[in-house]
Amino acid sequence: MVTRAESAAATRRALLDAAAELLDLGGPEAVTLREVGARAGVSRGAPYRHFAGKDSLLTAVAGEGWERIGDQVRALRADPALSATEKLSGALRALTGVGRAQPHLYQLLSMRRGDRPEGLGDGIERVRRQLCGPEGDPEAAAREAGRFQEEFLAVVTGLVGEPNAQRYGALLLAGAHGVAGMELNGHLGADAWHTTADELVDTLVRMVADAREAA
């Protein structure tokens, strides 16, 4: 027999999957609790029992997005068959790959903290998010983004050493976000620059590796 907790967890999973699908198809504007509930095949009131509103739902989707990227980077870091440069290239490609495959999710992840859904609204909206509980917890997405950063810095440390990890890590992320943004906006065409996003990522890693060896 399925317990109430198991049923609630299954409903929440269906809602998050439906929200992620709608986000991929039409961006944040396509994500409404009514459409999410219909796509998930649940009752009309079910989404409102799990999420305070659209903002808390998108926050949860963003949190899971960062969780997946963090897991990928952690797996790369733990793979003994990969060199330090291969791990770093893979970590950066995990990020740029989201921009290529899921551009709307990438834009959601790339927003500044104050511009993300969890940073919007006040008064009653804040109360609703608090009443929503862990599912609408704005800190969940921030924690997963922080975990990704920790995993990424560990990979960078493996190549450049701890004293230089933050400086080179910030440089690499800035470069990767720039590459992803150019590709996303159609400004990285082969006719214009005669290169690809993956080639640029590998070039970034080689430049950092060479700078480390020359230091």
Foldseek 3Di string as FASTA:
>chain_A
DQDPVNVLVLLLVLLLVLQLVQCQVPNLVSDFLQSSCVNSVHDNCSSVLQALTSQLSLLLNLLVLLLVLLVQLLVLVPDPVDALLRSLLSSLCSLLVCLVRRVNSNVLNPDDLCPGSLNDDDDPSVVSLVVSPPSSPNCSSVVSNVSSLVSNLVSQCSQQNDVCSVVLSVVLNVQSVVLSVCVNVVNPDCVVPVDHSSVSSSVSSVVSNVVSVVD
